């Protein structure tokens, strides 16, 4: 039986294994909780459920990024960079969650899921 192993490169890393879901779904009872726990351990499950909050970029007013207090204050370079990093991290987690699901399902089933 095929499996997917994925690792985190920090001191809190641990080896996680998610078995592939069979095309006929016969191992769903084993697959589903393992997938949920593995993705939850990587803070990805909220992305699967659609509950992850998308960071909002700063609003542009007269071509300038506004700070958190509104358009009376221009956002600093550091604030803009931190906001962009949050947006990039959100996207990275979205793609990683999709990758795990597609990697743990057979090609035919993954094709049926399409852009879900």
N, C-alpha and C. Protein backbone atom coordinates (compact mmCIF):
# COMPACT_ATOMS: atom_id res chain seq x y z
N UNK A 1 0.85 -1.18 0.00
CA UNK A 1 0.00 0.00 0.00
C UNK A 1 0.89 1.24 0.00
N UNK A 2 0.61 2.20 -0.86
CA UNK A 2 1.41 3.41 -0.99
C UNK A 2 1.12 4.35 0.17
N UNK A 3 2.10 5.17 0.48
CA UNK A 3 1.90 6.16 1.53
C UNK A 3 2.62 7.43 1.16
N UNK A 4 2.28 8.51 1.83
CA UNK A 4 2.94 9.79 1.65
C UNK A 4 3.58 10.15 2.97
N UNK A 5 4.83 10.48 2.94
CA UNK A 5 5.52 10.94 4.13
C UNK A 5 5.89 12.39 3.89
N UNK A 6 5.61 13.25 4.84
CA UNK A 6 6.06 14.62 4.69
C UNK A 6 6.68 15.08 5.99
N UNK A 7 7.65 15.98 5.86
CA UNK A 7 8.47 16.39 6.99
C UNK A 7 8.46 17.90 7.12
N UNK A 8 8.69 18.36 8.32
CA UNK A 8 8.88 19.77 8.61
C UNK A 8 10.34 19.93 9.02
N UNK A 9 10.98 21.01 8.62
CA UNK A 9 12.40 21.17 8.88
C UNK A 9 12.68 22.03 10.10
N UNK A 10 11.96 21.79 11.18
CA UNK A 10 12.27 22.52 12.40
C UNK A 10 12.37 21.55 13.57
N UNK A 11 12.66 22.07 14.74
CA UNK A 11 12.88 21.20 15.90
C UNK A 11 11.62 20.50 16.35
N UNK A 12 10.45 20.96 15.93
CA UNK A 12 9.20 20.33 16.32
C UNK A 12 8.73 19.30 15.30
N UNK A 13 9.60 18.96 14.35
CA UNK A 13 9.18 18.07 13.28
C UNK A 13 8.92 16.67 13.80
N UNK A 14 8.04 16.00 13.12
CA UNK A 14 7.78 14.60 13.40
C UNK A 14 7.35 13.96 12.09
N UNK A 15 7.60 12.69 11.98
CA UNK A 15 7.30 11.95 10.77
C UNK A 15 5.81 11.63 10.75
N UNK A 16 5.15 11.99 9.66
CA UNK A 16 3.72 11.72 9.52
C UNK A 16 3.51 10.88 8.27
N UNK A 17 2.63 9.91 8.36
CA UNK A 17 2.33 9.06 7.21
C UNK A 17 0.83 9.05 6.99
N UNK A 18 0.45 9.26 5.74
CA UNK A 18 -0.95 9.17 5.35
C UNK A 18 -1.03 8.16 4.23
N UNK A 19 -1.79 7.10 4.44
CA UNK A 19 -1.95 6.09 3.41
C UNK A 19 -2.79 6.64 2.27
N UNK A 20 -2.55 6.15 1.06
CA UNK A 20 -3.34 6.58 -0.09
C UNK A 20 -4.77 6.07 0.03
N UNK A 21 -5.70 6.91 -0.38
CA UNK A 21 -7.10 6.51 -0.43
C UNK A 21 -7.30 5.64 -1.67
N UNK A 22 -7.90 4.51 -1.48
CA UNK A 22 -8.17 3.62 -2.60
C UNK A 22 -9.28 4.21 -3.47
N UNK A 23 -9.23 3.93 -4.77
CA UNK A 23 -10.24 4.44 -5.71
C UNK A 23 -11.66 4.08 -5.28
N UNK A 24 -11.82 2.90 -4.72
CA UNK A 24 -13.17 2.48 -4.32
C UNK A 24 -13.55 2.97 -2.93
N UNK A 25 -12.66 3.71 -2.27
CA UNK A 25 -12.94 4.26 -0.95
C UNK A 25 -12.96 3.23 0.17
N UNK A 26 -12.48 2.02 -0.11
CA UNK A 26 -12.57 0.95 0.88
C UNK A 26 -11.76 1.22 2.15
N UNK A 27 -10.78 2.10 2.09
CA UNK A 27 -9.99 2.42 3.28
C UNK A 27 -10.30 3.81 3.84
N UNK A 28 -11.47 4.35 3.48
CA UNK A 28 -11.85 5.69 3.94
C UNK A 28 -11.83 5.82 5.46
N UNK A 29 -12.31 4.81 6.17
CA UNK A 29 -12.37 4.86 7.64
C UNK A 29 -10.98 5.02 8.25
N UNK A 30 -9.96 4.53 7.58
CA UNK A 30 -8.58 4.68 8.06
C UNK A 30 -7.96 5.97 7.52
N UNK A 31 -8.24 6.28 6.25
CA UNK A 31 -7.65 7.44 5.59
C UNK A 31 -8.10 8.77 6.21
N UNK A 32 -9.39 8.96 6.36
CA UNK A 32 -9.95 10.25 6.78
C UNK A 32 -9.39 10.75 8.11
N UNK A 33 -9.40 9.96 9.18
CA UNK A 33 -8.86 10.50 10.44
C UNK A 33 -7.35 10.73 10.39
N UNK A 34 -6.63 9.87 9.66
CA UNK A 34 -5.18 10.08 9.54
C UNK A 34 -4.87 11.37 8.78
N UNK A 35 -5.60 11.60 7.71
CA UNK A 35 -5.41 12.82 6.94
C UNK A 35 -5.71 14.04 7.79
N UNK A 36 -6.83 14.00 8.51
CA UNK A 36 -7.22 15.13 9.35
C UNK A 36 -6.18 15.40 10.43
N UNK A 37 -5.71 14.37 11.10
CA UNK A 37 -4.72 14.56 12.17
C UNK A 37 -3.39 15.06 11.61
N UNK A 38 -2.94 14.48 10.49
CA UNK A 38 -1.67 14.90 9.89
C UNK A 38 -1.74 16.35 9.43
N UNK A 39 -2.84 16.72 8.80
CA UNK A 39 -2.97 18.09 8.32
C UNK A 39 -3.19 19.06 9.48
N UNK A 40 -3.89 18.61 10.51
CA UNK A 40 -4.06 19.43 11.70
C UNK A 40 -2.74 19.69 12.40
N UNK A 41 -1.85 18.70 12.39
CA UNK A 41 -0.53 18.85 13.01
C UNK A 41 0.32 19.88 12.27
N UNK A 42 -0.02 20.16 11.04
CA UNK A 42 0.71 21.15 10.24
C UNK A 42 -0.10 22.43 10.04
N UNK A 43 -1.15 22.61 10.85
CA UNK A 43 -2.01 23.80 10.77
C UNK A 43 -2.63 23.98 9.39
N UNK A 44 -3.01 22.86 8.76
CA UNK A 44 -3.58 22.91 7.41
C UNK A 44 -5.06 22.55 7.37
N UNK A 45 -5.57 21.93 8.41
CA UNK A 45 -6.94 21.42 8.35
C UNK A 45 -7.96 22.53 8.14
N UNK A 46 -7.72 23.71 8.74
CA UNK A 46 -8.65 24.84 8.56
C UNK A 46 -8.74 25.23 7.09
N UNK A 47 -7.67 25.02 6.33
CA UNK A 47 -7.68 25.32 4.90
C UNK A 47 -8.58 24.33 4.16
N UNK A 48 -8.56 23.08 4.58
CA UNK A 48 -9.40 22.06 3.96
C UNK A 48 -10.87 22.36 4.23
N UNK A 49 -11.16 22.76 5.44
CA UNK A 49 -12.55 23.06 5.83
C UNK A 49 -13.03 24.41 5.31
N UNK A 50 -12.11 25.22 4.78
CA UNK A 50 -12.48 26.56 4.31
C UNK A 50 -12.63 27.56 5.43
N UNK A 51 -12.04 27.28 6.60
CA UNK A 51 -12.16 28.16 7.75
C UNK A 51 -10.93 29.04 7.98
N UNK A 52 -9.89 28.86 7.17
CA UNK A 52 -8.70 29.68 7.32
C UNK A 52 -9.01 31.10 6.86
N UNK A 53 -8.57 32.07 7.62
CA UNK A 53 -8.83 33.46 7.31
C UNK A 53 -7.77 33.99 6.35
N UNK A 54 -8.21 34.51 5.24
CA UNK A 54 -7.30 35.09 4.25
C UNK A 54 -6.85 36.46 4.77
N UNK A 55 -5.54 36.68 4.91
CA UNK A 55 -5.08 38.00 5.34
C UNK A 55 -5.45 39.04 4.29
N UNK A 56 -5.92 40.18 4.73
CA UNK A 56 -6.31 41.23 3.79
C UNK A 56 -5.13 42.15 3.54
N UNK A 57 -4.86 42.42 2.26
CA UNK A 57 -3.77 43.36 1.96
C UNK A 57 -4.16 44.77 2.37
N UNK A 58 -3.15 45.63 2.53
CA UNK A 58 -3.45 47.02 2.83
C UNK A 58 -4.21 47.63 1.67
N UNK A 59 -5.09 48.53 2.00
CA UNK A 59 -5.88 49.22 0.98
C UNK A 59 -5.02 50.32 0.36
N UNK A 60 -5.13 50.46 -0.95
CA UNK A 60 -4.42 51.53 -1.63
C UNK A 60 -5.31 52.77 -1.69
N UNK A 61 -4.78 53.89 -1.23
CA UNK A 61 -5.47 55.17 -1.32
C UNK A 61 -4.49 56.14 -1.96
N UNK A 62 -4.88 56.68 -3.09
CA UNK A 62 -4.01 57.58 -3.86
C UNK A 62 -2.66 56.94 -4.15
N UNK A 63 -2.68 55.63 -4.44
CA UNK A 63 -1.46 54.92 -4.81
C UNK A 63 -0.56 54.57 -3.64
N UNK A 64 -1.03 54.77 -2.40
CA UNK A 64 -0.22 54.49 -1.22
C UNK A 64 -0.92 53.45 -0.36
N UNK A 65 -0.13 52.52 0.20
CA UNK A 65 -0.67 51.53 1.13
C UNK A 65 -1.01 52.22 2.43
N UNK A 66 -2.25 52.02 2.90
CA UNK A 66 -2.64 52.63 4.17
C UNK A 66 -2.32 51.69 5.32
N UNK A 67 -2.06 52.25 6.47
CA UNK A 67 -1.78 51.46 7.66
C UNK A 67 -3.06 50.98 8.31
N UNK A 68 -2.92 50.37 9.46
CA UNK A 68 -4.06 49.78 10.14
C UNK A 68 -5.03 50.83 10.68
N UNK A 69 -4.59 52.08 10.78
CA UNK A 69 -5.47 53.12 11.31
C UNK A 69 -6.27 53.82 10.22
N UNK A 70 -6.12 53.37 8.99
CA UNK A 70 -6.88 53.99 7.91
C UNK A 70 -5.99 54.81 7.00
N UNK A 71 -6.61 55.60 6.18
CA UNK A 71 -5.83 56.27 5.16
C UNK A 71 -5.17 57.55 5.60
N UNK A 72 -5.28 57.89 6.87
CA UNK A 72 -4.55 59.06 7.35
C UNK A 72 -3.08 58.75 7.62
N UNK A 73 -2.72 57.47 7.60
CA UNK A 73 -1.33 57.08 7.89
C UNK A 73 -0.84 56.10 6.84
N UNK A 74 0.34 56.35 6.29
CA UNK A 74 0.92 55.46 5.29
C UNK A 74 1.57 54.28 6.01
N UNK A 75 1.36 53.06 5.48
CA UNK A 75 1.98 51.87 6.06
C UNK A 75 3.48 51.93 5.81
N UNK A 76 4.25 51.49 6.82
CA UNK A 76 5.71 51.48 6.68
C UNK A 76 6.14 50.30 5.81
N UNK A 77 7.37 50.33 5.34
CA UNK A 77 7.91 49.24 4.54
C UNK A 77 7.86 47.93 5.32
N UNK A 78 8.18 47.98 6.62
CA UNK A 78 8.13 46.77 7.45
C UNK A 78 6.72 46.23 7.57
N UNK A 79 5.75 47.10 7.74
CA UNK A 79 4.36 46.67 7.83
C UNK A 79 3.92 46.01 6.52
N UNK A 80 4.28 46.62 5.42
CA UNK A 80 3.91 46.07 4.11
C UNK A 80 4.57 44.71 3.91
N UNK A 81 5.84 44.60 4.28
CA UNK A 81 6.55 43.33 4.13
C UNK A 81 5.95 42.24 5.01
N UNK A 82 5.61 42.57 6.26
CA UNK A 82 4.98 41.58 7.16
C UNK A 82 3.63 41.13 6.61
N UNK A 83 2.86 42.06 6.08
CA UNK A 83 1.55 41.73 5.50
C UNK A 83 1.73 40.82 4.29
N UNK A 84 2.70 41.12 3.44
CA UNK A 84 2.96 40.28 2.27
C UNK A 84 3.42 38.89 2.68
N UNK A 85 4.21 38.79 3.74
CA UNK A 85 4.67 37.49 4.23
C UNK A 85 3.49 36.67 4.74
N UNK A 86 2.54 37.31 5.40
CA UNK A 86 1.34 36.61 5.87
C UNK A 86 0.52 36.09 4.69
N UNK A 87 0.40 36.91 3.66
CA UNK A 87 -0.33 36.48 2.47
C UNK A 87 0.37 35.30 1.79
N UNK A 88 1.69 35.36 1.69
CA UNK A 88 2.45 34.28 1.07
C UNK A 88 2.35 33.00 1.90
N UNK A 89 2.38 33.10 3.22
CA UNK A 89 2.25 31.93 4.08
C UNK A 89 0.87 31.30 3.94
N UNK A 90 -0.16 32.12 3.86
CA UNK A 90 -1.51 31.60 3.66
C UNK A 90 -1.57 30.81 2.35
N UNK A 91 -1.05 31.38 1.27
CA UNK A 91 -1.06 30.70 -0.02
C UNK A 91 -0.25 29.42 0.01
N UNK A 92 0.90 29.45 0.70
CA UNK A 92 1.74 28.25 0.81
C UNK A 92 0.97 27.14 1.50
N UNK A 93 0.26 27.46 2.57
CA UNK A 93 -0.52 26.46 3.29
C UNK A 93 -1.67 25.93 2.43
N UNK A 94 -2.31 26.80 1.66
CA UNK A 94 -3.38 26.36 0.76
C UNK A 94 -2.85 25.34 -0.24
N UNK A 95 -1.73 25.68 -0.88
CA UNK A 95 -1.14 24.78 -1.87
C UNK A 95 -0.64 23.49 -1.24
N UNK A 96 -0.08 23.57 -0.04
CA UNK A 96 0.42 22.37 0.63
C UNK A 96 -0.74 21.44 0.97
N UNK A 97 -1.85 21.98 1.45
CA UNK A 97 -3.02 21.16 1.75
C UNK A 97 -3.53 20.47 0.48
N UNK A 98 -3.60 21.21 -0.61
CA UNK A 98 -4.03 20.62 -1.88
C UNK A 98 -3.07 19.53 -2.33
N UNK A 99 -1.78 19.80 -2.18
CA UNK A 99 -0.77 18.83 -2.58
C UNK A 99 -0.91 17.52 -1.79
N UNK A 100 -1.13 17.63 -0.50
CA UNK A 100 -1.25 16.43 0.33
C UNK A 100 -2.46 15.61 -0.11
N UNK A 101 -3.57 16.27 -0.34
CA UNK A 101 -4.78 15.54 -0.77
C UNK A 101 -4.54 14.88 -2.11
N UNK A 102 -3.98 15.61 -3.07
CA UNK A 102 -3.73 15.03 -4.39
C UNK A 102 -2.68 13.91 -4.33
N UNK A 103 -1.72 14.03 -3.42
CA UNK A 103 -0.68 13.01 -3.29
C UNK A 103 -1.17 11.76 -2.58
N UNK A 104 -2.26 11.87 -1.87
CA UNK A 104 -2.77 10.72 -1.13
C UNK A 104 -4.01 10.11 -1.77
N UNK A 105 -4.31 10.56 -2.96
CA UNK A 105 -5.40 9.97 -3.72
C UNK A 105 -4.83 9.50 -5.05
N UNK A 106 -5.47 8.53 -5.64
CA UNK A 106 -5.00 8.03 -6.93
C UNK A 106 -5.30 9.07 -8.01
N UNK A 107 -4.54 9.04 -9.08
CA UNK A 107 -4.62 10.04 -10.14
C UNK A 107 -6.03 10.23 -10.65
N UNK A 108 -6.75 9.15 -10.86
CA UNK A 108 -8.11 9.23 -11.39
C UNK A 108 -9.03 10.00 -10.43
N UNK A 109 -8.92 9.72 -9.15
CA UNK A 109 -9.74 10.42 -8.17
C UNK A 109 -9.34 11.88 -8.06
N UNK A 110 -8.03 12.14 -8.09
CA UNK A 110 -7.55 13.52 -8.05
C UNK A 110 -8.06 14.32 -9.23
N UNK A 111 -8.12 13.71 -10.40
CA UNK A 111 -8.63 14.39 -11.60
C UNK A 111 -10.11 14.73 -11.42
N UNK A 112 -10.86 13.87 -10.76
CA UNK A 112 -12.29 14.12 -10.53
C UNK A 112 -12.49 15.31 -9.58
N UNK A 113 -11.54 15.49 -8.63
CA UNK A 113 -11.66 16.59 -7.67
C UNK A 113 -11.41 17.94 -8.33
N UNK A 114 -10.62 17.95 -9.38
CA UNK A 114 -10.36 19.17 -10.12
C UNK A 114 -9.82 20.28 -9.24
N UNK A 115 -10.43 21.43 -9.31
CA UNK A 115 -9.95 22.61 -8.58
C UNK A 115 -10.54 22.77 -7.21
N UNK A 116 -10.99 21.70 -6.59
CA UNK A 116 -11.59 21.80 -5.25
C UNK A 116 -10.56 22.26 -4.24
